[in-house]
């Protein structure tokens, strides 16, 4: 599932009339890059949720075998959005991605898939250390322990990609709620896991980060 419903407020004027997933880096929209990442990992069933300027997102993927999960009249946040789309995903174990990120290295979903085979968790988050994170504002998110167990706080940064078991989402009060609630429930049971991404990662959440990511893809020395 690709999360494309948000308002993109950090992008300022760039998202006044265009949804953030349709902004471009390297001559390709953020949404198309996420779809390409999914296809590159061998995923054939892709769901995209929509809310803000939904018609533009839906038009961008029309005729491409992409399933739309429209959130109306209210946006459902990541947890509520994933729960609403669960009937369309066709599996209890799913990948999710935020399109406003650039992974420079191996396919992030392939990295997750390889690590999931030996994982006994309910969610496996893809993380990156701060020295390989670009345009990140603020501190880290997690510390990784034995067997990949995650605890809140620490240097590792969530890159916006994960594998997650959606069992239990329907027990969280909604309809709108963050996946952070589910992660905390899993962590309390010792079932929240993480794996470190071997490449570089860029947060593409602001106009400055968008230009920076474009430079990285162009190979500019100032990127």
Foldseek 3Di string as FASTA:
>chain_A
DEEQADQLPQAPPVRPPPGQQQDDAQPGGLVVVVVVLCVVLVHQAAEYEHAVVRVVVCVVCPPPNYHYDYDPDDDAADLLSCVSCVVRRPDQKDKYFYSQKDWDDPRPVNVQVVLVVPAPAQKEFEKEFPVQEAPDPDAAFWDADPSQFTDGDDGIHGQGIMIGRSPPSVVDDGSHDYCVVVLVVRSVVRRYGYDYDPHHMYRRSYPVSSVVSNCVVVVDPVD
